Amino acid sequence: MKNVSRLSIRVIPNSRKTQFAGYRENELVLRLNAPALEGKANKAAIDFVATFFRVSRSAVSLVAGEKSRHKIFEIIGLDRRDIERKLAEDQPLTTSQNGNA
């Protein structure tokens, strides 16, 4: 059986750049350079989470909060320790406004 982890994320759309920005009320804060319009923020969040944790996009799914800032993502192939280790690394992944790292 593959490892499956859930991650609670508070998404803040329309930010200057896309990056994780610490924790707020037991949720990881994700600032997104995408509007909360027509699912663009959800797609951008899934893309960013997949890239950040170095898993395929198909390994990341939004399981709750489609129309909310408070979202729960499921990540297949990582356990909680993998997620915590990646978040603790010194160099957080950010992307510029054009989407390139």
N, C-alpha and C. Protein backbone atom coordinates (compact mmCIF):
# COMPACT_ATOMS: atom_id res chain seq x y z
N MET A 1 0.83 -1.19 0.00
CA MET A 1 0.00 0.00 0.00
C MET A 1 0.87 1.25 0.00
N LYS A 2 0.51 2.22 -0.80
CA LYS A 2 1.27 3.45 -0.89
C LYS A 2 0.96 4.35 0.30
N ASN A 3 1.95 5.16 0.66
CA ASN A 3 1.73 6.16 1.70
C ASN A 3 0.79 7.23 1.18
N VAL A 4 -0.12 7.66 2.02
CA VAL A 4 -1.04 8.75 1.69
C VAL A 4 -1.08 9.69 2.88
N SER A 5 -0.87 10.97 2.60
CA SER A 5 -0.91 11.97 3.66
C SER A 5 -1.90 13.05 3.30
N ARG A 6 -2.47 13.65 4.32
CA ARG A 6 -3.37 14.78 4.12
C ARG A 6 -2.71 16.02 4.70
N LEU A 7 -2.92 17.13 4.01
CA LEU A 7 -2.28 18.38 4.39
C LEU A 7 -3.34 19.48 4.38
N SER A 8 -3.50 20.16 5.53
CA SER A 8 -4.43 21.29 5.63
C SER A 8 -3.70 22.56 5.23
N ILE A 9 -4.26 23.25 4.25
CA ILE A 9 -3.62 24.44 3.71
C ILE A 9 -4.62 25.58 3.63
N ARG A 10 -4.21 26.75 4.10
CA ARG A 10 -5.00 27.97 3.91
C ARG A 10 -4.42 28.68 2.70
N VAL A 11 -5.22 28.84 1.67
CA VAL A 11 -4.77 29.44 0.42
C VAL A 11 -5.12 30.92 0.39
N ILE A 12 -4.13 31.73 0.04
CA ILE A 12 -4.34 33.17 -0.12
C ILE A 12 -4.05 33.48 -1.59
N PRO A 13 -5.11 33.67 -2.39
CA PRO A 13 -4.93 33.94 -3.82
C PRO A 13 -4.48 35.38 -4.07
N ASN A 14 -4.12 35.65 -5.32
CA ASN A 14 -3.73 36.99 -5.78
C ASN A 14 -2.52 37.55 -5.05
N SER A 15 -1.60 36.68 -4.65
CA SER A 15 -0.38 37.12 -3.99
C SER A 15 0.67 37.48 -5.03
N ARG A 16 1.69 38.17 -4.61
CA ARG A 16 2.74 38.58 -5.54
C ARG A 16 3.50 37.39 -6.11
N LYS A 17 3.78 36.41 -5.25
CA LYS A 17 4.44 35.19 -5.73
C LYS A 17 3.86 33.99 -5.03
N THR A 18 4.09 32.84 -5.59
CA THR A 18 3.57 31.60 -5.03
C THR A 18 4.62 31.00 -4.11
N GLN A 19 4.21 30.78 -2.85
CA GLN A 19 5.13 30.21 -1.87
C GLN A 19 4.37 29.79 -0.61
N PHE A 20 4.98 28.84 0.11
CA PHE A 20 4.47 28.55 1.44
C PHE A 20 4.96 29.67 2.35
N ALA A 21 4.10 30.11 3.26
CA ALA A 21 4.42 31.27 4.10
C ALA A 21 4.13 30.99 5.57
N GLY A 22 4.59 29.85 6.07
CA GLY A 22 4.43 29.54 7.48
C GLY A 22 3.10 28.87 7.80
N TYR A 23 2.74 28.98 9.08
CA TYR A 23 1.51 28.36 9.56
C TYR A 23 0.61 29.42 10.18
N ARG A 24 -0.69 29.17 10.09
CA ARG A 24 -1.68 30.01 10.75
C ARG A 24 -2.79 29.09 11.24
N GLU A 25 -3.04 29.09 12.54
CA GLU A 25 -4.09 28.28 13.14
C GLU A 25 -4.04 26.82 12.67
N ASN A 26 -2.88 26.21 12.80
CA ASN A 26 -2.64 24.80 12.47
C ASN A 26 -2.82 24.46 10.99
N GLU A 27 -2.77 25.45 10.13
CA GLU A 27 -2.82 25.21 8.68
C GLU A 27 -1.57 25.81 8.06
N LEU A 28 -1.05 25.13 7.07
CA LEU A 28 0.04 25.66 6.29
C LEU A 28 -0.53 26.77 5.40
N VAL A 29 0.16 27.91 5.33
CA VAL A 29 -0.32 29.03 4.52
C VAL A 29 0.37 28.96 3.16
N LEU A 30 -0.44 28.99 2.10
CA LEU A 30 0.07 29.00 0.74
C LEU A 30 -0.39 30.27 0.06
N ARG A 31 0.56 31.14 -0.25
CA ARG A 31 0.27 32.35 -1.02
C ARG A 31 0.37 31.98 -2.49
N LEU A 32 -0.66 32.30 -3.25
CA LEU A 32 -0.71 31.93 -4.66
C LEU A 32 -0.78 33.14 -5.57
N ASN A 33 0.00 33.10 -6.63
CA ASN A 33 -0.06 34.12 -7.66
C ASN A 33 -1.07 33.66 -8.71
N ALA A 34 -2.30 33.49 -8.27
CA ALA A 34 -3.39 33.06 -9.15
C ALA A 34 -4.69 33.59 -8.55
N PRO A 35 -5.63 33.95 -9.39
CA PRO A 35 -6.91 34.45 -8.88
C PRO A 35 -7.82 33.32 -8.42
N ALA A 36 -8.69 33.63 -7.48
CA ALA A 36 -9.71 32.68 -7.03
C ALA A 36 -10.89 32.78 -7.98
N LEU A 37 -10.66 32.37 -9.21
CA LEU A 37 -11.65 32.54 -10.26
C LEU A 37 -11.63 31.31 -11.16
N GLU A 38 -12.78 30.70 -11.35
CA GLU A 38 -12.93 29.57 -12.26
C GLU A 38 -11.95 28.42 -11.98
N GLY A 39 -11.65 28.19 -10.72
CA GLY A 39 -10.78 27.08 -10.35
C GLY A 39 -9.31 27.30 -10.59
N LYS A 40 -8.91 28.51 -10.99
CA LYS A 40 -7.49 28.77 -11.28
C LYS A 40 -6.62 28.64 -10.03
N ALA A 41 -7.12 29.11 -8.89
CA ALA A 41 -6.33 29.00 -7.66
C ALA A 41 -6.19 27.54 -7.24
N ASN A 42 -7.24 26.75 -7.39
CA ASN A 42 -7.14 25.32 -7.04
C ASN A 42 -6.13 24.61 -7.93
N LYS A 43 -6.17 24.88 -9.22
CA LYS A 43 -5.23 24.25 -10.15
C LYS A 43 -3.80 24.67 -9.82
N ALA A 44 -3.60 25.97 -9.57
CA ALA A 44 -2.28 26.47 -9.23
C ALA A 44 -1.79 25.87 -7.92
N ALA A 45 -2.68 25.70 -6.95
CA ALA A 45 -2.30 25.10 -5.67
C ALA A 45 -1.87 23.65 -5.85
N ILE A 46 -2.62 22.90 -6.63
CA ILE A 46 -2.26 21.49 -6.88
C ILE A 46 -0.91 21.43 -7.59
N ASP A 47 -0.71 22.27 -8.60
CA ASP A 47 0.56 22.29 -9.32
C ASP A 47 1.72 22.62 -8.39
N PHE A 48 1.53 23.62 -7.55
CA PHE A 48 2.60 24.04 -6.64
C PHE A 48 2.92 22.95 -5.61
N VAL A 49 1.88 22.37 -5.01
CA VAL A 49 2.09 21.32 -4.02
C VAL A 49 2.85 20.14 -4.65
N ALA A 50 2.45 19.75 -5.85
CA ALA A 50 3.13 18.64 -6.53
C ALA A 50 4.60 18.97 -6.80
N THR A 51 4.86 20.17 -7.29
CA THR A 51 6.24 20.58 -7.57
C THR A 51 7.05 20.67 -6.29
N PHE A 52 6.49 21.30 -5.27
CA PHE A 52 7.20 21.49 -4.01
C PHE A 52 7.61 20.16 -3.39
N PHE A 53 6.70 19.20 -3.38
CA PHE A 53 6.99 17.91 -2.74
C PHE A 53 7.57 16.89 -3.71
N ARG A 54 7.81 17.32 -4.94
CA ARG A 54 8.44 16.48 -5.96
C ARG A 54 7.67 15.17 -6.19
N VAL A 55 6.38 15.33 -6.39
CA VAL A 55 5.51 14.20 -6.75
C VAL A 55 4.78 14.59 -8.03
N SER A 56 4.20 13.62 -8.70
CA SER A 56 3.46 13.93 -9.91
C SER A 56 2.18 14.68 -9.55
N ARG A 57 1.69 15.43 -10.50
CA ARG A 57 0.46 16.18 -10.28
C ARG A 57 -0.69 15.23 -9.96
N SER A 58 -0.68 14.05 -10.56
CA SER A 58 -1.75 13.09 -10.32
C SER A 58 -1.71 12.51 -8.91
N ALA A 59 -0.60 12.70 -8.19
CA ALA A 59 -0.47 12.21 -6.82
C ALA A 59 -1.07 13.19 -5.81
N VAL A 60 -1.46 14.37 -6.28
CA VAL A 60 -2.02 15.40 -5.39
C VAL A 60 -3.48 15.62 -5.76
N SER A 61 -4.34 15.55 -4.77
CA SER A 61 -5.76 15.82 -5.04
C SER A 61 -6.33 16.70 -3.94
N LEU A 62 -7.27 17.54 -4.34
CA LEU A 62 -7.99 18.39 -3.42
C LEU A 62 -9.19 17.59 -2.93
N VAL A 63 -9.21 17.26 -1.65
CA VAL A 63 -10.28 16.41 -1.13
C VAL A 63 -11.35 17.20 -0.35
N ALA A 64 -11.04 18.44 0.00
CA ALA A 64 -12.04 19.28 0.69
C ALA A 64 -11.67 20.74 0.51
N GLY A 65 -12.69 21.59 0.42
CA GLY A 65 -12.47 23.02 0.36
C GLY A 65 -12.36 23.61 -1.02
N GLU A 66 -13.02 23.01 -1.98
CA GLU A 66 -12.92 23.48 -3.36
C GLU A 66 -13.26 24.97 -3.51
N LYS A 67 -14.24 25.44 -2.75
CA LYS A 67 -14.65 26.85 -2.85
C LYS A 67 -14.34 27.63 -1.58
N SER A 68 -13.35 27.16 -0.84
CA SER A 68 -12.97 27.79 0.42
C SER A 68 -11.47 28.08 0.41
N ARG A 69 -11.06 28.98 1.26
CA ARG A 69 -9.61 29.21 1.42
C ARG A 69 -8.98 28.08 2.24
N HIS A 70 -9.78 27.40 3.01
CA HIS A 70 -9.30 26.30 3.85
C HIS A 70 -9.46 25.00 3.07
N LYS A 71 -8.34 24.41 2.68
CA LYS A 71 -8.37 23.25 1.80
C LYS A 71 -7.63 22.08 2.43
N ILE A 72 -8.02 20.89 2.04
CA ILE A 72 -7.31 19.69 2.45
C ILE A 72 -6.87 18.97 1.19
N PHE A 73 -5.57 18.76 1.10
CA PHE A 73 -4.99 18.06 -0.03
C PHE A 73 -4.54 16.68 0.41
N GLU A 74 -4.67 15.72 -0.47
CA GLU A 74 -4.18 14.37 -0.23
C GLU A 74 -2.99 14.17 -1.17
N ILE A 75 -1.90 13.67 -0.61
CA ILE A 75 -0.68 13.44 -1.38
C ILE A 75 -0.33 11.97 -1.30
N ILE A 76 -0.32 11.30 -2.44
CA ILE A 76 0.00 9.88 -2.51
C ILE A 76 1.51 9.73 -2.70
N GLY A 77 2.11 8.85 -1.93
CA GLY A 77 3.52 8.56 -2.09
C GLY A 77 4.41 9.21 -1.05
N LEU A 78 3.84 10.03 -0.18
CA LEU A 78 4.62 10.66 0.89
C LEU A 78 3.97 10.37 2.23
N ASP A 79 4.82 10.15 3.24
CA ASP A 79 4.25 10.04 4.58
C ASP A 79 4.47 11.37 5.30
N ARG A 80 3.95 11.47 6.48
CA ARG A 80 4.00 12.72 7.23
C ARG A 80 5.43 13.19 7.46
N ARG A 81 6.35 12.26 7.71
CA ARG A 81 7.75 12.63 7.93
C ARG A 81 8.37 13.25 6.68
N ASP A 82 8.04 12.70 5.50
CA ASP A 82 8.54 13.26 4.24
C ASP A 82 8.07 14.71 4.08
N ILE A 83 6.81 14.94 4.38
CA ILE A 83 6.25 16.29 4.26
C ILE A 83 6.92 17.24 5.23
N GLU A 84 7.04 16.84 6.48
CA GLU A 84 7.66 17.68 7.49
C GLU A 84 9.13 17.97 7.17
N ARG A 85 9.84 16.97 6.67
CA ARG A 85 11.25 17.15 6.30
C ARG A 85 11.37 18.17 5.17
N LYS A 86 10.54 18.06 4.15
CA LYS A 86 10.60 18.98 3.02
C LYS A 86 10.25 20.40 3.46
N LEU A 87 9.25 20.56 4.31
CA LEU A 87 8.87 21.88 4.78
C LEU A 87 9.95 22.51 5.65
N ALA A 88 10.76 21.69 6.31
CA ALA A 88 11.79 22.19 7.20
C ALA A 88 13.08 22.58 6.48
N GLU A 89 13.20 22.22 5.22
CA GLU A 89 14.41 22.56 4.48
C GLU A 89 14.58 24.07 4.41
N ASP A 90 15.84 24.49 4.31
CA ASP A 90 16.16 25.92 4.36
C ASP A 90 15.62 26.73 3.19
N GLN A 91 15.62 26.17 1.99
CA GLN A 91 15.26 26.94 0.80
C GLN A 91 13.84 26.61 0.35
N PRO A 92 12.84 27.41 0.76
CA PRO A 92 11.48 27.13 0.28
C PRO A 92 11.38 27.41 -1.21
N LEU A 93 10.56 26.64 -1.89
CA LEU A 93 10.35 26.82 -3.32
C LEU A 93 9.37 27.96 -3.53
N THR A 94 9.76 28.89 -4.36
CA THR A 94 8.84 29.95 -4.75
C THR A 94 8.84 30.02 -6.26
N THR A 95 7.83 30.63 -6.80
CA THR A 95 7.81 30.84 -8.24
C THR A 95 7.57 32.30 -8.52
N SER A 96 8.11 32.77 -9.60
CA SER A 96 7.91 34.16 -9.99
C SER A 96 6.54 34.31 -10.60
N GLN A 97 6.21 35.51 -10.99
CA GLN A 97 4.89 35.77 -11.54
C GLN A 97 4.62 35.02 -12.84
N ASN A 98 5.66 34.69 -13.58
CA ASN A 98 5.43 33.97 -14.83
C ASN A 98 5.39 32.47 -14.62
N GLY A 99 5.51 32.01 -13.37
CA GLY A 99 5.35 30.59 -13.07
C GLY A 99 6.63 29.78 -13.11
N ASN A 100 7.76 30.41 -13.41
CA ASN A 100 9.02 29.66 -13.45
C ASN A 100 9.70 29.72 -12.10
N ALA A 101 10.36 28.64 -11.76
CA ALA A 101 11.06 28.59 -10.47
C ALA A 101 12.32 29.41 -10.51
